[in-house]
Every structure is written in C-alpha cells, then in structure tokens.
N, C-alpha and C. Protein backbone atom coordinates (compact mmCIF):
# COMPACT_ATOMS: atom_id res chain seq x y z
N MET A 1 2.89 16.90 -31.05
CA MET A 1 3.58 17.45 -29.78
C MET A 1 3.93 16.20 -28.91
N LYS A 2 5.04 16.42 -28.34
CA LYS A 2 5.50 15.09 -27.48
C LYS A 2 4.79 15.12 -26.25
N LYS A 3 4.29 13.98 -25.72
CA LYS A 3 3.70 13.67 -24.34
C LYS A 3 4.83 13.95 -23.24
N VAL A 4 4.65 14.59 -22.09
CA VAL A 4 5.68 14.52 -21.18
C VAL A 4 4.98 14.02 -19.84
N ASN A 5 5.55 12.86 -19.25
CA ASN A 5 5.10 12.39 -18.04
C ASN A 5 5.70 13.37 -16.86
N VAL A 6 4.79 13.75 -16.01
CA VAL A 6 5.25 14.50 -14.88
C VAL A 6 5.12 13.62 -13.67
N VAL A 7 6.24 13.73 -12.87
CA VAL A 7 6.29 12.89 -11.58
C VAL A 7 5.69 13.67 -10.55
N VAL A 8 4.66 13.35 -9.80
CA VAL A 8 4.06 14.06 -8.78
C VAL A 8 4.08 13.35 -7.45
N TRP A 9 4.93 13.74 -6.46
CA TRP A 9 4.95 13.14 -5.19
C TRP A 9 4.10 13.81 -4.28
N VAL A 10 3.00 13.10 -3.71
CA VAL A 10 1.99 13.69 -2.85
C VAL A 10 2.22 13.23 -1.23
N LYS A 11 2.05 14.15 -0.50
CA LYS A 11 2.23 13.64 1.05
C LYS A 11 0.91 12.83 1.39
N ALA A 12 1.13 11.77 1.91
CA ALA A 12 -0.20 10.99 2.43
C ALA A 12 -0.23 11.17 3.70
N CYS A 13 0.74 11.23 4.66
CA CYS A 13 0.64 11.11 6.06
C CYS A 13 1.88 11.17 6.71
N SER A 14 2.08 11.52 8.02
CA SER A 14 3.20 11.44 8.89
C SER A 14 3.54 9.88 9.00
N VAL A 15 4.75 9.58 9.28
CA VAL A 15 5.15 8.21 9.57
C VAL A 15 4.59 7.84 10.85
N GLU A 16 4.28 8.65 11.85
CA GLU A 16 3.65 8.21 13.12
C GLU A 16 2.25 7.76 12.87
N PHE A 17 1.59 8.27 11.90
CA PHE A 17 0.27 7.95 11.66
C PHE A 17 0.07 6.56 11.21
N LEU A 18 1.09 5.93 10.59
CA LEU A 18 0.92 4.61 10.12
C LEU A 18 1.98 3.62 10.91
N SER A 19 1.71 3.15 11.93
CA SER A 19 2.50 2.32 12.72
C SER A 19 2.65 1.00 12.05
N SER A 20 3.78 0.31 12.54
CA SER A 20 4.11 -1.07 11.78
C SER A 20 2.87 -1.95 11.97
N GLY A 21 2.66 -2.60 10.75
CA GLY A 21 1.44 -3.59 10.61
C GLY A 21 0.10 -2.97 10.31
N THR A 22 0.01 -1.68 10.09
CA THR A 22 -1.00 -0.93 9.79
C THR A 22 -1.40 -0.84 8.31
N ILE A 23 -2.59 -0.90 8.08
CA ILE A 23 -3.09 -0.60 6.69
C ILE A 23 -4.01 0.47 6.73
N LYS A 24 -3.94 1.57 5.80
CA LYS A 24 -4.77 2.81 5.76
C LYS A 24 -5.17 2.95 4.32
N GLN A 25 -6.35 3.33 4.20
CA GLN A 25 -6.90 3.83 2.64
C GLN A 25 -6.81 5.14 2.49
N PHE A 26 -6.44 5.80 1.44
CA PHE A 26 -6.43 7.21 1.15
C PHE A 26 -7.02 7.37 -0.24
N TYR A 27 -7.74 8.59 -0.21
CA TYR A 27 -8.11 9.24 -1.46
C TYR A 27 -7.36 10.42 -1.93
N ILE A 28 -6.48 10.28 -2.83
CA ILE A 28 -5.58 11.32 -3.19
C ILE A 28 -5.36 11.58 -4.67
N ARG A 29 -5.83 12.63 -5.06
CA ARG A 29 -5.75 13.01 -6.60
C ARG A 29 -6.71 12.14 -7.42
N ASP A 30 -8.02 11.94 -6.93
CA ASP A 30 -8.88 10.95 -7.64
C ASP A 30 -8.29 9.45 -7.59
N CYS A 31 -7.42 9.19 -6.77
CA CYS A 31 -6.96 7.72 -6.69
C CYS A 31 -7.19 7.15 -5.34
N GLU A 32 -7.76 5.99 -5.23
CA GLU A 32 -8.08 5.35 -4.15
C GLU A 32 -6.98 4.26 -3.85
N VAL A 33 -6.08 4.51 -2.76
CA VAL A 33 -4.91 3.72 -2.68
C VAL A 33 -4.78 3.23 -1.29
N LEU A 34 -4.08 2.14 -1.16
CA LEU A 34 -3.77 1.68 0.20
C LEU A 34 -2.35 1.69 0.61
N LEU A 35 -2.15 2.29 1.81
CA LEU A 35 -0.83 2.40 2.27
C LEU A 35 -0.48 1.66 3.49
N MET A 36 0.57 0.97 3.47
CA MET A 36 0.85 -0.02 4.55
C MET A 36 2.32 0.08 5.04
N ASN A 37 2.54 -0.21 6.33
CA ASN A 37 3.78 -0.17 6.97
C ASN A 37 4.06 -1.55 7.47
N ILE A 38 5.09 -2.06 6.87
CA ILE A 38 5.50 -3.45 7.28
C ILE A 38 6.81 -3.46 7.78
N ASN A 39 7.13 -3.50 9.12
CA ASN A 39 8.36 -3.43 9.76
C ASN A 39 9.01 -2.22 9.28
N HIS A 40 8.39 -0.99 9.28
CA HIS A 40 8.96 0.31 8.92
C HIS A 40 9.41 0.52 7.65
N LYS A 41 8.85 -0.32 6.81
CA LYS A 41 9.02 -0.11 5.31
C LYS A 41 7.61 -0.10 4.62
N PHE A 42 7.46 1.09 3.93
CA PHE A 42 6.00 1.46 3.46
C PHE A 42 5.93 1.09 1.93
N PHE A 43 4.62 0.54 1.72
CA PHE A 43 4.14 0.00 0.48
C PHE A 43 2.94 0.68 0.09
N CYS A 44 2.55 0.89 -1.22
CA CYS A 44 1.24 1.62 -1.62
C CYS A 44 0.76 0.74 -2.73
N LEU A 45 -0.48 0.47 -2.72
CA LEU A 45 -1.19 -0.31 -3.81
C LEU A 45 -2.56 0.20 -4.17
N ASP A 46 -3.12 -0.19 -5.20
CA ASP A 46 -4.52 0.23 -5.36
C ASP A 46 -5.40 -0.45 -4.17
N ALA A 47 -6.45 0.27 -3.62
CA ALA A 47 -7.22 -0.05 -2.66
C ALA A 47 -8.34 -0.95 -2.85
N ARG A 48 -8.53 -1.43 -4.15
CA ARG A 48 -9.68 -2.30 -4.33
C ARG A 48 -9.16 -3.53 -5.02
N CYS A 49 -9.85 -4.74 -4.62
CA CYS A 49 -9.35 -6.04 -5.17
C CYS A 49 -9.62 -6.03 -6.60
N THR A 50 -8.84 -6.73 -7.51
CA THR A 50 -9.00 -6.62 -8.96
C THR A 50 -10.06 -7.72 -9.23
N HIS A 51 -10.52 -8.44 -8.45
CA HIS A 51 -11.38 -9.59 -8.76
C HIS A 51 -12.74 -8.94 -8.73
N ALA A 52 -13.18 -8.40 -7.46
CA ALA A 52 -14.55 -7.76 -7.45
C ALA A 52 -14.67 -6.56 -6.58
N GLY A 53 -13.71 -6.01 -6.55
CA GLY A 53 -13.77 -4.63 -5.94
C GLY A 53 -13.81 -4.45 -4.41
N ALA A 54 -13.48 -5.51 -3.74
CA ALA A 54 -13.51 -5.35 -2.37
C ALA A 54 -12.53 -4.36 -1.76
N PRO A 55 -12.78 -3.80 -0.59
CA PRO A 55 -12.06 -2.80 0.01
C PRO A 55 -10.89 -3.53 0.64
N LEU A 56 -9.81 -3.51 0.28
CA LEU A 56 -8.63 -4.31 0.85
C LEU A 56 -8.08 -3.76 2.14
N GLU A 57 -8.59 -2.52 2.55
CA GLU A 57 -8.28 -1.94 3.81
C GLU A 57 -8.84 -2.94 4.92
N GLU A 58 -9.95 -3.70 4.68
CA GLU A 58 -10.72 -4.61 5.50
C GLU A 58 -10.11 -6.11 5.45
N GLY A 59 -8.92 -6.18 4.64
CA GLY A 59 -8.26 -7.42 4.49
C GLY A 59 -7.24 -7.67 5.49
N GLN A 60 -6.75 -8.76 5.46
CA GLN A 60 -5.76 -9.29 6.56
C GLN A 60 -4.40 -9.10 6.01
N LEU A 61 -3.52 -8.64 6.65
CA LEU A 61 -2.11 -8.61 6.30
C LEU A 61 -1.34 -9.51 7.09
N ASP A 62 -0.46 -10.24 6.44
CA ASP A 62 0.42 -11.42 7.15
C ASP A 62 1.56 -11.31 6.40
N GLY A 63 2.65 -10.68 7.15
CA GLY A 63 3.93 -10.40 6.45
C GLY A 63 3.57 -9.60 5.30
N GLU A 64 4.14 -10.00 4.21
CA GLU A 64 4.03 -9.23 2.93
C GLU A 64 2.90 -9.62 1.93
N VAL A 65 1.91 -10.41 2.52
CA VAL A 65 0.79 -10.84 1.81
C VAL A 65 -0.54 -10.25 2.43
N LEU A 66 -1.25 -9.74 1.54
CA LEU A 66 -2.53 -9.10 1.81
C LEU A 66 -3.67 -10.01 1.24
N THR A 67 -4.60 -10.34 2.09
CA THR A 67 -5.71 -11.31 1.72
C THR A 67 -7.01 -10.53 1.62
N CYS A 68 -7.60 -10.59 0.61
CA CYS A 68 -8.91 -9.89 0.28
C CYS A 68 -10.04 -10.38 1.23
N PRO A 69 -10.86 -9.51 1.89
CA PRO A 69 -11.77 -9.85 3.00
C PRO A 69 -12.98 -10.56 2.29
N TRP A 70 -13.31 -10.53 0.93
CA TRP A 70 -14.50 -11.10 0.36
C TRP A 70 -14.31 -12.49 -0.14
N HIS A 71 -13.31 -12.67 -0.87
CA HIS A 71 -13.28 -13.90 -1.71
C HIS A 71 -11.84 -14.76 -1.45
N GLY A 72 -10.99 -14.08 -0.66
CA GLY A 72 -9.67 -14.68 -0.18
C GLY A 72 -8.64 -14.64 -1.18
N SER A 73 -8.62 -13.79 -2.18
CA SER A 73 -7.64 -13.56 -3.05
C SER A 73 -6.43 -12.99 -2.26
N GLN A 74 -5.09 -13.41 -2.71
CA GLN A 74 -3.88 -13.01 -1.91
C GLN A 74 -3.12 -12.16 -3.01
N PHE A 75 -2.48 -11.16 -2.36
CA PHE A 75 -1.63 -10.31 -3.18
C PHE A 75 -0.31 -10.18 -2.51
N GLN A 76 0.96 -10.12 -3.17
CA GLN A 76 2.11 -9.78 -2.63
C GLN A 76 2.32 -8.29 -2.68
N VAL A 77 2.33 -7.76 -1.54
CA VAL A 77 2.48 -6.20 -1.19
C VAL A 77 3.52 -5.55 -2.00
N THR A 78 4.67 -6.21 -2.07
CA THR A 78 5.94 -5.54 -2.60
C THR A 78 5.77 -5.20 -4.16
N ASP A 79 5.08 -6.06 -4.88
CA ASP A 79 4.85 -5.87 -6.40
C ASP A 79 3.31 -6.02 -6.99
N GLY A 80 2.37 -6.28 -5.96
CA GLY A 80 0.95 -6.41 -6.39
C GLY A 80 0.58 -7.66 -7.03
N LYS A 81 1.54 -8.52 -7.19
CA LYS A 81 1.42 -9.83 -7.81
C LYS A 81 0.28 -10.77 -7.12
N VAL A 82 -0.66 -11.45 -7.83
CA VAL A 82 -1.54 -12.39 -7.32
C VAL A 82 -0.66 -13.61 -6.95
N ILE A 83 -1.07 -13.96 -5.67
CA ILE A 83 -0.46 -15.18 -5.07
C ILE A 83 -1.50 -16.30 -5.23
N LYS A 84 -2.71 -15.93 -4.96
CA LYS A 84 -3.77 -16.99 -4.92
C LYS A 84 -5.05 -16.28 -5.33
N GLY A 85 -5.80 -16.81 -6.22
CA GLY A 85 -6.98 -16.37 -6.81
C GLY A 85 -8.21 -16.55 -5.79
N PRO A 86 -9.37 -15.94 -6.37
CA PRO A 86 -9.82 -15.90 -7.73
C PRO A 86 -9.33 -14.79 -8.37
N ALA A 87 -8.72 -13.68 -8.00
CA ALA A 87 -8.18 -12.65 -8.74
C ALA A 87 -7.09 -13.03 -9.68
N GLU A 88 -7.14 -12.57 -10.86
CA GLU A 88 -6.20 -12.94 -11.83
C GLU A 88 -5.24 -11.66 -12.29
N LYS A 89 -5.80 -10.50 -12.09
CA LYS A 89 -4.95 -9.40 -12.31
C LYS A 89 -4.20 -8.74 -11.04
N ARG A 90 -3.02 -8.55 -11.25
CA ARG A 90 -2.22 -7.90 -10.13
C ARG A 90 -2.76 -6.51 -9.79
N LEU A 91 -2.45 -6.02 -8.47
CA LEU A 91 -2.79 -4.66 -8.01
C LEU A 91 -1.68 -3.64 -8.59
N LYS A 92 -2.07 -2.54 -8.91
CA LYS A 92 -0.99 -1.57 -9.32
C LYS A 92 -0.28 -1.13 -8.02
N THR A 93 0.85 -0.92 -8.14
CA THR A 93 1.78 -0.48 -7.06
C THR A 93 2.17 0.89 -7.36
N TYR A 94 2.36 1.75 -6.30
CA TYR A 94 2.95 3.04 -6.37
C TYR A 94 4.18 3.38 -5.55
N PRO A 95 5.18 3.97 -6.09
CA PRO A 95 6.50 4.19 -5.43
C PRO A 95 6.09 5.07 -4.22
N VAL A 96 6.88 4.78 -3.02
CA VAL A 96 6.73 5.55 -1.84
C VAL A 96 8.05 6.00 -1.48
N ASN A 97 8.07 7.22 -0.77
CA ASN A 97 9.30 7.73 -0.22
C ASN A 97 9.21 8.43 1.12
N VAL A 98 9.95 8.21 1.90
CA VAL A 98 9.85 8.86 3.37
C VAL A 98 10.84 9.94 3.42
N LYS A 99 10.40 11.19 3.74
CA LYS A 99 11.26 12.29 3.94
C LYS A 99 10.94 13.13 5.03
N ASP A 100 11.72 13.42 6.04
CA ASP A 100 11.42 14.32 7.04
C ASP A 100 10.18 13.92 7.88
N ASP A 101 10.06 12.58 8.19
CA ASP A 101 8.98 12.03 8.88
C ASP A 101 7.60 12.01 8.25
N SER A 102 7.63 12.18 6.80
CA SER A 102 6.38 12.22 6.21
C SER A 102 6.45 11.08 5.16
N VAL A 103 5.47 10.46 4.71
CA VAL A 103 5.24 9.37 3.70
C VAL A 103 4.70 9.90 2.40
N PHE A 104 5.39 9.88 1.40
CA PHE A 104 5.04 10.51 0.16
C PHE A 104 4.71 9.36 -1.00
N ILE A 105 3.77 9.70 -1.69
CA ILE A 105 3.29 8.47 -2.73
C ILE A 105 3.53 9.23 -4.19
N GLU A 106 4.11 8.44 -5.13
CA GLU A 106 4.22 9.03 -6.51
C GLU A 106 3.01 8.69 -7.10
N LEU A 107 2.19 9.75 -7.75
CA LEU A 107 0.92 9.34 -8.50
C LEU A 107 1.13 10.02 -9.93
C-alpha cells in the first residue's frame, strides 16, 4: 500500500496576537513550535535548541537571527540553519500562511 502524505494547516493564532518582533511558543498536535513575526513576516521553527533542548522562546531575536538563551547557539530564522554553535543541527522549519487575519502552520 502506498503511503500518502497529508498536508494539514493548523490555526495557531490571530495576526494581532503576534506583533512584530514577538516570539511565542505553541503546542499544536503534539508539536512544540515557535512562531515569530519579523516585520510582519511570519516564521515557524522547532521550539527547542538542537544542542541542549533550551526553550528558544526565552532566546534573543535580532533581525532574522535567534540566539539560544543557554549556550548562545544562533539560528537563521528563515531556514533554521545554524549560524554559530555549539549547536550543529539546524532547527526544523514549518511553512506559515496568513489568511483572513489568522496565522496557520503546516504540520
């Protein structure tokens, strides 16, 4: 039997809930994700650092770079790529869509 991948878009929040420069963590369908608004463009990543599991919601967002609060690893928000270690593994990213003033994440 052939496996079929089903695309599921889940509403995370309203656009108003996530003002520009804001980072929020969500638990959606057994996934712990981080949603952020950078100049009215939305990005979604795994919510835990790939190095030691730190909660990235407590990290520092500077432009499109997210810095881990525990050991200073830095990630590119647009693609999850590691910019600076000690993390070596990139963060998983999730597609985001804004429709009717709501933010949806593809899980």
